[in-house]
Amino acid sequence: MVDEISAMRAIAHPVRLRMLSLLTGTAMSAAEVARELDLTHANASYHLRLLADAGELVVDGEEKIRGGVAKRYRYPHERDLAPSEPGTPTRPSAPAAYLRALGKELERRSRSRAASTQSLSSDLEGWVDEDTWKEALELLMSAARLLHERNRPPRTPGTVHVSATSVAFRMQDDQ
């Protein structure tokens, strides 16, 4: 099993973050990922293997293609969106490299923002009571589960292209 810090390092790259999002709604081969993200096949294969080796992707079948075998990868989002019991260890704080990659990915996505559509932008560093924090965290987890579970392959008829990012955590007191 890969340690959590290695897994966080593996996802701390804008292309790999895009792959995780893409592979939430469907399993895809390296060739399909390469076409969708406009990458070379070799580049897509490299990043997919790195994510799989870090435990961030699972192989979800294989298919024969021109005498070879292509693995189909998917992101097991249900693992990361399961609520943890109080007192159980959580992932370590996101390393700076991951947060930088996330910021770059948000910048890229924001350039594709549809004009005149409903959206939300929110930021807070504040103080709330424990019950409010628990309720807010449950609502965010519920929204994340909903979007991940209902995510579909790119350009599926009847779907819209969306972006949703949540980073919420309890902070240490300044004392």
N, C-alpha and C. Protein backbone atom coordinates (compact mmCIF):
# COMPACT_ATOMS: atom_id res chain seq x y z
N MET A 1 0.84 -1.19 0.00
CA MET A 1 0.00 0.00 0.00
C MET A 1 0.88 1.25 0.00
N VAL A 2 0.46 2.24 -0.71
CA VAL A 2 1.19 3.49 -0.84
C VAL A 2 0.86 4.39 0.34
N ASP A 3 1.88 5.05 0.87
CA ASP A 3 1.60 5.96 1.99
C ASP A 3 0.87 7.19 1.47
N GLU A 4 0.18 7.86 2.38
CA GLU A 4 -0.68 8.99 2.01
C GLU A 4 0.09 10.17 1.42
N ILE A 5 1.29 10.39 1.90
CA ILE A 5 2.07 11.52 1.37
C ILE A 5 2.46 11.25 -0.08
N SER A 6 2.84 10.01 -0.40
CA SER A 6 3.15 9.68 -1.80
C SER A 6 1.93 9.83 -2.68
N ALA A 7 0.77 9.44 -2.16
CA ALA A 7 -0.46 9.58 -2.93
C ALA A 7 -0.77 11.06 -3.19
N MET A 8 -0.57 11.90 -2.18
CA MET A 8 -0.82 13.33 -2.37
C MET A 8 0.16 13.93 -3.38
N ARG A 9 1.40 13.47 -3.35
CA ARG A 9 2.38 13.96 -4.33
C ARG A 9 1.96 13.56 -5.74
N ALA A 10 1.42 12.36 -5.87
CA ALA A 10 1.01 11.87 -7.19
C ALA A 10 -0.09 12.73 -7.79
N ILE A 11 -1.00 13.23 -6.98
CA ILE A 11 -2.09 14.03 -7.54
C ILE A 11 -1.75 15.51 -7.61
N ALA A 12 -0.56 15.89 -7.14
CA ALA A 12 -0.17 17.30 -7.13
C ALA A 12 0.36 17.73 -8.50
N HIS A 13 -0.46 17.56 -9.51
CA HIS A 13 -0.09 17.92 -10.88
C HIS A 13 -1.38 18.26 -11.63
N PRO A 14 -1.43 19.38 -12.33
CA PRO A 14 -2.69 19.77 -13.00
C PRO A 14 -3.24 18.72 -13.97
N VAL A 15 -2.38 18.06 -14.73
CA VAL A 15 -2.86 17.04 -15.68
C VAL A 15 -3.47 15.86 -14.92
N ARG A 16 -2.84 15.47 -13.83
CA ARG A 16 -3.37 14.33 -13.07
C ARG A 16 -4.68 14.68 -12.38
N LEU A 17 -4.83 15.93 -11.94
CA LEU A 17 -6.12 16.35 -11.38
C LEU A 17 -7.21 16.26 -12.44
N ARG A 18 -6.90 16.67 -13.66
CA ARG A 18 -7.87 16.58 -14.76
C ARG A 18 -8.22 15.12 -15.03
N MET A 19 -7.23 14.24 -14.97
CA MET A 19 -7.48 12.81 -15.20
C MET A 19 -8.42 12.25 -14.13
N LEU A 20 -8.19 12.61 -12.88
CA LEU A 20 -9.06 12.11 -11.81
C LEU A 20 -10.50 12.56 -12.04
N SER A 21 -10.68 13.81 -12.43
CA SER A 21 -12.04 14.31 -12.72
C SER A 21 -12.64 13.55 -13.89
N LEU A 22 -11.87 13.39 -14.96
CA LEU A 22 -12.35 12.71 -16.15
C LEU A 22 -12.74 11.27 -15.85
N LEU A 23 -11.96 10.60 -15.03
CA LEU A 23 -12.19 9.17 -14.75
C LEU A 23 -13.15 8.94 -13.59
N THR A 24 -13.81 9.97 -13.13
CA THR A 24 -14.85 9.81 -12.12
C THR A 24 -16.12 9.27 -12.76
N GLY A 25 -16.44 9.71 -13.96
CA GLY A 25 -17.69 9.34 -14.59
C GLY A 25 -17.64 8.10 -15.44
N THR A 26 -16.44 7.61 -15.74
CA THR A 26 -16.32 6.48 -16.65
C THR A 26 -14.91 5.91 -16.57
N ALA A 27 -14.77 4.66 -16.95
CA ALA A 27 -13.44 4.06 -17.09
C ALA A 27 -12.96 4.32 -18.51
N MET A 28 -11.70 4.66 -18.65
CA MET A 28 -11.14 4.97 -19.97
C MET A 28 -9.74 4.39 -20.10
N SER A 29 -9.36 4.13 -21.35
CA SER A 29 -8.01 3.68 -21.65
C SER A 29 -7.08 4.89 -21.78
N ALA A 30 -5.79 4.63 -21.83
CA ALA A 30 -4.82 5.72 -22.00
C ALA A 30 -5.06 6.45 -23.32
N ALA A 31 -5.40 5.72 -24.37
CA ALA A 31 -5.66 6.36 -25.67
C ALA A 31 -6.87 7.29 -25.59
N GLU A 32 -7.92 6.87 -24.90
CA GLU A 32 -9.11 7.71 -24.75
C GLU A 32 -8.81 8.95 -23.91
N VAL A 33 -8.07 8.77 -22.84
CA VAL A 33 -7.69 9.90 -21.99
C VAL A 33 -6.83 10.87 -22.79
N ALA A 34 -5.89 10.34 -23.57
CA ALA A 34 -5.01 11.18 -24.39
C ALA A 34 -5.83 12.02 -25.36
N ARG A 35 -6.80 11.41 -26.03
CA ARG A 35 -7.64 12.16 -26.98
C ARG A 35 -8.45 13.23 -26.26
N GLU A 36 -9.04 12.89 -25.14
CA GLU A 36 -9.91 13.82 -24.42
C GLU A 36 -9.14 15.02 -23.87
N LEU A 37 -7.93 14.79 -23.39
CA LEU A 37 -7.15 15.85 -22.76
C LEU A 37 -6.08 16.43 -23.69
N ASP A 38 -6.09 15.99 -24.94
CA ASP A 38 -5.14 16.48 -25.94
C ASP A 38 -3.70 16.27 -25.49
N LEU A 39 -3.40 15.02 -25.12
CA LEU A 39 -2.06 14.62 -24.69
C LEU A 39 -1.53 13.56 -25.65
N THR A 40 -0.25 13.30 -25.61
CA THR A 40 0.27 12.16 -26.35
C THR A 40 -0.13 10.89 -25.59
N HIS A 41 -0.19 9.78 -26.31
CA HIS A 41 -0.53 8.51 -25.66
C HIS A 41 0.51 8.17 -24.59
N ALA A 42 1.77 8.39 -24.89
CA ALA A 42 2.84 8.09 -23.93
C ALA A 42 2.69 8.92 -22.66
N ASN A 43 2.39 10.19 -22.81
CA ASN A 43 2.22 11.08 -21.66
C ASN A 43 1.02 10.64 -20.82
N ALA A 44 -0.09 10.33 -21.47
CA ALA A 44 -1.27 9.86 -20.74
C ALA A 44 -0.96 8.56 -20.00
N SER A 45 -0.30 7.63 -20.68
CA SER A 45 0.04 6.34 -20.05
C SER A 45 0.91 6.55 -18.82
N TYR A 46 1.89 7.42 -18.93
CA TYR A 46 2.79 7.69 -17.81
C TYR A 46 2.00 8.20 -16.60
N HIS A 47 1.18 9.22 -16.81
CA HIS A 47 0.43 9.81 -15.70
C HIS A 47 -0.58 8.81 -15.12
N LEU A 48 -1.22 8.02 -15.97
CA LEU A 48 -2.18 7.02 -15.49
C LEU A 48 -1.49 5.96 -14.64
N ARG A 49 -0.34 5.48 -15.09
CA ARG A 49 0.41 4.49 -14.31
C ARG A 49 0.84 5.06 -12.96
N LEU A 50 1.30 6.30 -12.96
CA LEU A 50 1.72 6.94 -11.72
C LEU A 50 0.55 7.03 -10.74
N LEU A 51 -0.62 7.44 -11.24
CA LEU A 51 -1.80 7.53 -10.38
C LEU A 51 -2.24 6.16 -9.88
N ALA A 52 -2.18 5.15 -10.75
CA ALA A 52 -2.56 3.79 -10.35
C ALA A 52 -1.57 3.25 -9.32
N ASP A 53 -0.29 3.47 -9.53
CA ASP A 53 0.72 3.00 -8.57
C ASP A 53 0.56 3.66 -7.21
N ALA A 54 0.05 4.89 -7.21
CA ALA A 54 -0.17 5.61 -5.95
C ALA A 54 -1.50 5.24 -5.31
N GLY A 55 -2.27 4.37 -5.96
CA GLY A 55 -3.56 3.95 -5.40
C GLY A 55 -4.69 4.93 -5.65
N GLU A 56 -4.47 5.92 -6.53
CA GLU A 56 -5.50 6.92 -6.82
C GLU A 56 -6.43 6.48 -7.94
N LEU A 57 -6.01 5.53 -8.76
CA LEU A 57 -6.86 4.96 -9.82
C LEU A 57 -6.87 3.45 -9.66
N VAL A 58 -7.93 2.83 -10.15
CA VAL A 58 -8.01 1.38 -10.20
C VAL A 58 -8.18 0.94 -11.64
N VAL A 59 -7.68 -0.26 -11.94
CA VAL A 59 -7.90 -0.84 -13.26
C VAL A 59 -9.30 -1.42 -13.24
N ASP A 60 -10.12 -0.99 -14.19
CA ASP A 60 -11.53 -1.39 -14.25
C ASP A 60 -11.80 -2.14 -15.54
N GLY A 61 -10.95 -3.12 -15.82
CA GLY A 61 -11.13 -3.94 -17.01
C GLY A 61 -10.04 -3.71 -18.03
N GLU A 62 -10.02 -4.60 -19.00
CA GLU A 62 -9.07 -4.53 -20.10
C GLU A 62 -9.80 -4.82 -21.39
N GLU A 63 -9.26 -4.31 -22.50
CA GLU A 63 -9.84 -4.60 -23.80
C GLU A 63 -8.72 -4.85 -24.79
N LYS A 64 -8.98 -5.75 -25.74
CA LYS A 64 -7.99 -6.06 -26.77
C LYS A 64 -8.09 -5.03 -27.88
N ILE A 65 -6.94 -4.46 -28.21
CA ILE A 65 -6.88 -3.45 -29.27
C ILE A 65 -5.68 -3.77 -30.16
N ARG A 66 -5.93 -4.07 -31.41
CA ARG A 66 -4.89 -4.35 -32.40
C ARG A 66 -3.81 -5.29 -31.85
N GLY A 67 -4.23 -6.40 -31.31
CA GLY A 67 -3.29 -7.40 -30.83
C GLY A 67 -2.71 -7.14 -29.45
N GLY A 68 -2.98 -5.98 -28.88
CA GLY A 68 -2.50 -5.66 -27.54
C GLY A 68 -3.64 -5.61 -26.55
N VAL A 69 -3.33 -5.33 -25.33
CA VAL A 69 -4.34 -5.21 -24.29
C VAL A 69 -4.25 -3.81 -23.67
N ALA A 70 -5.35 -3.10 -23.67
CA ALA A 70 -5.41 -1.76 -23.08
C ALA A 70 -6.15 -1.83 -21.75
N LYS A 71 -5.54 -1.29 -20.71
CA LYS A 71 -6.21 -1.22 -19.41
C LYS A 71 -7.16 -0.04 -19.41
N ARG A 72 -8.27 -0.22 -18.71
CA ARG A 72 -9.24 0.87 -18.53
C ARG A 72 -9.17 1.27 -17.06
N TYR A 73 -8.94 2.54 -16.82
CA TYR A 73 -8.78 3.07 -15.47
C TYR A 73 -10.00 3.86 -15.06
N ARG A 74 -10.26 3.88 -13.74
CA ARG A 74 -11.29 4.76 -13.20
C ARG A 74 -10.85 5.24 -11.83
N TYR A 75 -11.43 6.37 -11.43
CA TYR A 75 -11.15 6.95 -10.12
C TYR A 75 -12.19 6.45 -9.14
N PRO A 76 -11.78 5.75 -8.08
CA PRO A 76 -12.74 5.23 -7.09
C PRO A 76 -13.16 6.31 -6.09
N HIS A 77 -13.94 7.27 -6.58
CA HIS A 77 -14.32 8.43 -5.76
C HIS A 77 -15.06 8.05 -4.49
N GLU A 78 -15.77 6.93 -4.53
CA GLU A 78 -16.56 6.54 -3.36
C GLU A 78 -15.68 6.34 -2.13
N ARG A 79 -14.44 5.95 -2.33
CA ARG A 79 -13.50 5.76 -1.22
C ARG A 79 -13.21 7.08 -0.51
N ASP A 80 -12.98 8.14 -1.28
CA ASP A 80 -12.61 9.42 -0.69
C ASP A 80 -13.80 10.21 -0.17
N LEU A 81 -15.01 9.83 -0.58
CA LEU A 81 -16.19 10.59 -0.17
C LEU A 81 -16.99 9.90 0.92
N ALA A 82 -16.46 8.82 1.45
CA ALA A 82 -17.13 8.15 2.56
C ALA A 82 -16.82 8.92 3.84
N PRO A 83 -17.85 9.20 4.64
CA PRO A 83 -17.58 9.95 5.87
C PRO A 83 -16.72 9.13 6.82
N SER A 84 -15.77 9.77 7.47
CA SER A 84 -14.92 9.07 8.42
C SER A 84 -15.52 9.20 9.81
N GLU A 85 -15.27 8.20 10.60
CA GLU A 85 -15.75 8.21 11.98
C GLU A 85 -14.89 9.17 12.80
N PRO A 86 -15.48 9.85 13.77
CA PRO A 86 -14.68 10.74 14.62
C PRO A 86 -13.54 9.97 15.27
N GLY A 87 -12.37 10.57 15.28
CA GLY A 87 -11.21 9.94 15.90
C GLY A 87 -10.39 9.07 14.98
N THR A 88 -10.88 8.79 13.75
CA THR A 88 -10.09 7.99 12.82
C THR A 88 -9.11 8.90 12.10
N PRO A 89 -7.93 8.34 11.75
CA PRO A 89 -6.94 9.17 11.06
C PRO A 89 -7.47 9.64 9.71
N THR A 90 -7.13 10.85 9.34
CA THR A 90 -7.51 11.38 8.04
C THR A 90 -6.25 11.60 7.22
N ARG A 91 -6.43 11.94 5.94
CA ARG A 91 -5.27 12.25 5.12
C ARG A 91 -4.52 13.42 5.75
N PRO A 92 -3.21 13.41 5.59
CA PRO A 92 -2.45 14.55 6.12
C PRO A 92 -2.84 15.82 5.39
N SER A 93 -2.49 16.95 5.97
CA SER A 93 -2.79 18.22 5.32
C SER A 93 -2.26 18.21 3.90
N ALA A 94 -3.01 18.83 3.02
CA ALA A 94 -2.60 18.87 1.62
C ALA A 94 -1.26 19.57 1.49
N PRO A 95 -0.31 18.91 0.83
CA PRO A 95 0.98 19.58 0.64
C PRO A 95 0.84 20.79 -0.28
N ALA A 96 1.78 21.69 -0.14
CA ALA A 96 1.75 22.93 -0.93
C ALA A 96 1.71 22.64 -2.43
N ALA A 97 2.41 21.59 -2.89
CA ALA A 97 2.42 21.27 -4.32
C ALA A 97 1.02 20.92 -4.81
N TYR A 98 0.27 20.18 -4.00
CA TYR A 98 -1.11 19.84 -4.38
C TYR A 98 -1.97 21.10 -4.47
N LEU A 99 -1.83 21.98 -3.49
CA LEU A 99 -2.64 23.20 -3.49
C LEU A 99 -2.28 24.10 -4.67
N ARG A 100 -0.99 24.15 -5.04
CA ARG A 100 -0.59 24.92 -6.23
C ARG A 100 -1.20 24.31 -7.48
N ALA A 101 -1.16 22.98 -7.60
CA ALA A 101 -1.74 22.31 -8.76
C ALA A 101 -3.24 22.56 -8.82
N LEU A 102 -3.90 22.52 -7.67
CA LEU A 102 -5.33 22.79 -7.61
C LEU A 102 -5.63 24.22 -8.05
N GLY A 103 -4.82 25.15 -7.60
CA GLY A 103 -4.99 26.55 -8.01
C GLY A 103 -4.84 26.72 -9.52
N LYS A 104 -3.83 26.08 -10.10
CA LYS A 104 -3.63 26.15 -11.56
C LYS A 104 -4.82 25.55 -12.29
N GLU A 105 -5.32 24.44 -11.77
CA GLU A 105 -6.46 23.79 -12.41
C GLU A 105 -7.70 24.67 -12.32
N LEU A 106 -7.90 25.34 -11.20
CA LEU A 106 -9.04 26.26 -11.07
C LEU A 106 -8.91 27.43 -12.04
N GLU A 107 -7.70 27.93 -12.21
CA GLU A 107 -7.50 29.00 -13.20
C GLU A 107 -7.86 28.52 -14.60
N ARG A 108 -7.41 27.32 -14.96
CA ARG A 108 -7.72 26.77 -16.29
C ARG A 108 -9.23 26.62 -16.46
N ARG A 109 -9.89 26.05 -15.45
CA ARG A 109 -11.33 25.86 -15.55
C ARG A 109 -12.08 27.18 -15.64
N SER A 110 -11.63 28.17 -14.88
CA SER A 110 -12.35 29.45 -14.87
C SER A 110 -12.33 30.14 -16.23
N ARG A 111 -11.33 29.86 -17.04
CA ARG A 111 -11.30 30.42 -18.39
C ARG A 111 -12.39 29.83 -19.28
N SER A 112 -12.95 28.69 -18.87
CA SER A 112 -14.03 28.05 -19.63
C SER A 112 -15.40 28.28 -19.01
N ARG A 113 -15.48 29.19 -18.06
CA ARG A 113 -16.74 29.45 -17.36
C ARG A 113 -17.79 29.99 -18.33
N ALA A 114 -18.96 29.37 -18.31
CA ALA A 114 -20.06 29.79 -19.17
C ALA A 114 -20.64 31.11 -18.65
N ALA A 115 -20.80 32.06 -19.54
CA ALA A 115 -21.35 33.36 -19.16
C ALA A 115 -22.84 33.24 -18.84
N SER A 116 -23.30 34.08 -17.96
CA SER A 116 -24.73 34.17 -17.63
C SER A 116 -25.33 32.85 -17.16
N THR A 117 -24.57 32.08 -16.40
CA THR A 117 -25.11 30.86 -15.80
C THR A 117 -24.98 30.96 -14.29
N GLN A 118 -25.82 30.22 -13.59
CA GLN A 118 -25.79 30.25 -12.13
C GLN A 118 -24.48 29.62 -11.64
N SER A 119 -23.86 30.25 -10.67
CA SER A 119 -22.61 29.72 -10.12
C SER A 119 -22.46 30.17 -8.67
N LEU A 120 -21.42 29.71 -8.02
CA LEU A 120 -21.17 30.04 -6.63
C LEU A 120 -19.67 30.20 -6.42
N SER A 121 -19.30 31.20 -5.70
CA SER A 121 -17.92 31.37 -5.25
C SER A 121 -18.00 31.77 -3.79
N SER A 122 -17.28 31.06 -2.94
CA SER A 122 -17.38 31.32 -1.52
C SER A 122 -16.03 31.09 -0.86
N ASP A 123 -15.69 31.93 0.10
CA ASP A 123 -14.47 31.76 0.85
C ASP A 123 -14.71 32.26 2.27
N LEU A 124 -14.19 31.55 3.25
CA LEU A 124 -14.36 31.97 4.64
C LEU A 124 -13.21 31.42 5.47
N GLU A 125 -12.64 32.27 6.27
CA GLU A 125 -11.83 31.84 7.40
C GLU A 125 -12.50 32.48 8.59
N GLY A 126 -13.13 31.68 9.42
CA GLY A 126 -13.92 32.25 10.51
C GLY A 126 -14.06 31.30 11.68
N TRP A 127 -14.98 31.65 12.56
CA TRP A 127 -15.22 30.88 13.78
C TRP A 127 -16.70 30.55 13.85
N VAL A 128 -17.03 29.27 13.95
CA VAL A 128 -18.41 28.82 14.08
C VAL A 128 -18.47 27.79 15.20
N ASP A 129 -19.67 27.54 15.72
CA ASP A 129 -19.79 26.52 16.76
C ASP A 129 -19.63 25.13 16.13
N GLU A 130 -19.32 24.15 16.97
CA GLU A 130 -19.02 22.79 16.51
C GLU A 130 -20.16 22.19 15.70
N ASP A 131 -21.41 22.39 16.12
CA ASP A 131 -22.55 21.83 15.39
C ASP A 131 -22.68 22.44 14.00
N THR A 132 -22.44 23.74 13.88
CA THR A 132 -22.50 24.39 12.58
C THR A 132 -21.42 23.83 11.66
N TRP A 133 -20.21 23.63 12.20
CA TRP A 133 -19.11 23.07 11.40
C TRP A 133 -19.46 21.67 10.91
N LYS A 134 -19.98 20.83 11.80
CA LYS A 134 -20.35 19.47 11.41
C LYS A 134 -21.43 19.48 10.34
N GLU A 135 -22.43 20.34 10.50
CA GLU A 135 -23.50 20.43 9.51
C GLU A 135 -22.97 20.90 8.16
N ALA A 136 -22.13 21.92 8.16
CA ALA A 136 -21.56 22.44 6.91
C ALA A 136 -20.72 21.37 6.22
N LEU A 137 -19.91 20.65 6.98
CA LEU A 137 -19.08 19.59 6.41
C LEU A 137 -19.93 18.48 5.80
N GLU A 138 -21.01 18.10 6.50
CA GLU A 138 -21.92 17.08 5.97
C GLU A 138 -22.57 17.55 4.67
N LEU A 139 -22.97 18.82 4.59
CA LEU A 139 -23.57 19.35 3.37
C LEU A 139 -22.57 19.36 2.21
N LEU A 140 -21.34 19.77 2.49
CA LEU A 140 -20.31 19.75 1.45
C LEU A 140 -20.03 18.33 0.97
N MET A 141 -19.94 17.39 1.90
CA MET A 141 -19.71 15.99 1.52
C MET A 141 -20.87 15.45 0.71
N SER A 142 -22.08 15.81 1.09
CA SER A 142 -23.26 15.37 0.36
C SER A 142 -23.25 15.91 -1.07
N ALA A 143 -22.92 17.18 -1.23
CA ALA A 143 -22.84 17.78 -2.57
C ALA A 143 -21.74 17.12 -3.39
N ALA A 144 -20.59 16.88 -2.79
CA ALA A 144 -19.49 16.23 -3.50
C ALA A 144 -19.87 14.82 -3.94
N ARG A 145 -20.51 14.05 -3.04
CA ARG A 145 -20.95 12.70 -3.40
C ARG A 145 -21.95 12.74 -4.54
N LEU A 146 -22.92 13.65 -4.47
CA LEU A 146 -23.94 13.78 -5.51
C LEU A 146 -23.29 14.02 -6.88
N LEU A 147 -22.38 14.98 -6.95
CA LEU A 147 -21.75 15.30 -8.23
C LEU A 147 -20.86 14.16 -8.72
N HIS A 148 -20.09 13.54 -7.83
CA HIS A 148 -19.22 12.45 -8.25
C HIS A 148 -20.03 11.23 -8.71
N GLU A 149 -21.08 10.88 -7.97
CA GLU A 149 -21.88 9.71 -8.32
C GLU A 149 -22.65 9.89 -9.62
N ARG A 150 -23.02 11.11 -9.94
CA ARG A 150 -23.82 11.36 -11.15
C ARG A 150 -22.99 11.90 -12.31
N ASN A 151 -21.68 11.98 -12.14
CA ASN A 151 -20.81 12.42 -13.23
C ASN A 151 -20.88 11.41 -14.37
N ARG A 152 -20.90 11.89 -15.60
CA ARG A 152 -21.03 11.04 -16.79
C ARG A 152 -19.83 11.24 -17.71
N PRO A 153 -19.66 10.37 -18.68
CA PRO A 153 -18.58 10.56 -19.65
C PRO A 153 -18.71 11.91 -20.36
N PRO A 154 -17.60 12.46 -20.82
CA PRO A 154 -17.63 13.77 -21.49
C PRO A 154 -18.65 13.84 -22.62
N ARG A 155 -19.36 14.94 -22.66
CA ARG A 155 -20.33 15.27 -23.71
C ARG A 155 -21.48 14.26 -23.84
N THR A 156 -21.84 13.58 -22.76
CA THR A 156 -23.02 12.70 -22.78
C THR A 156 -24.24 13.58 -23.03
N PRO A 157 -25.11 13.19 -23.96
CA PRO A 157 -26.32 14.00 -24.21
C PRO A 157 -27.10 14.24 -22.92
N GLY A 158 -27.57 15.48 -22.76
CA GLY A 158 -28.35 15.85 -21.59
C GLY A 158 -27.52 16.30 -20.40
N THR A 159 -26.19 16.37 -20.56
CA THR A 159 -25.34 16.80 -19.45
C THR A 159 -24.77 18.19 -19.73
N VAL A 160 -24.33 18.86 -18.68
CA VAL A 160 -23.63 20.14 -18.80
C VAL A 160 -22.25 19.99 -18.18
N HIS A 161 -21.29 20.71 -18.71
CA HIS A 161 -19.90 20.67 -18.24
C HIS A 161 -19.78 21.57 -17.01
N VAL A 162 -19.39 21.03 -15.88
CA VAL A 162 -19.34 21.80 -14.63
C VAL A 162 -17.98 21.67 -13.95
N SER A 163 -17.74 22.55 -13.01
CA SER A 163 -16.56 22.49 -12.15
C SER A 163 -17.03 22.71 -10.72
N ALA A 164 -16.56 21.89 -9.81
CA ALA A 164 -16.89 22.06 -8.39
C ALA A 164 -15.66 21.66 -7.57
N THR A 165 -15.20 22.55 -6.74
CA THR A 165 -14.03 22.30 -5.90
C THR A 165 -14.36 22.72 -4.48
N SER A 166 -14.08 21.85 -3.53
CA SER A 166 -14.30 22.19 -2.12
C SER A 166 -13.03 21.87 -1.34
N VAL A 167 -12.62 22.80 -0.54
CA VAL A 167 -11.53 22.57 0.41
C VAL A 167 -12.01 23.15 1.73
N ALA A 168 -12.29 22.29 2.68
CA ALA A 168 -12.80 22.75 3.97
C ALA A 168 -12.07 21.98 5.07
N PHE A 169 -11.60 22.69 6.05
CA PHE A 169 -10.87 22.03 7.13
C PHE A 169 -10.94 22.89 8.39
N ARG A 170 -10.78 22.21 9.50
CA ARG A 170 -10.73 22.90 10.78
C ARG A 170 -9.30 23.40 10.98
N MET A 171 -9.16 24.62 11.44
CA MET A 171 -7.84 25.23 11.61
C MET A 171 -7.39 25.16 13.07
N GLN A 172 -6.10 25.25 13.27
CA GLN A 172 -5.55 25.34 14.61
C GLN A 172 -5.77 26.76 15.12
N ASP A 173 -6.01 26.87 16.41
CA ASP A 173 -6.18 28.19 17.01
C ASP A 173 -4.85 28.93 17.02
N ASP A 174 -4.89 30.22 16.75
CA ASP A 174 -3.69 31.07 16.86
C ASP A 174 -3.53 31.45 18.32
N GLN A 175 -2.51 30.95 18.98
CA GLN A 175 -2.31 31.29 20.39
C GLN A 175 -0.86 31.43 20.70
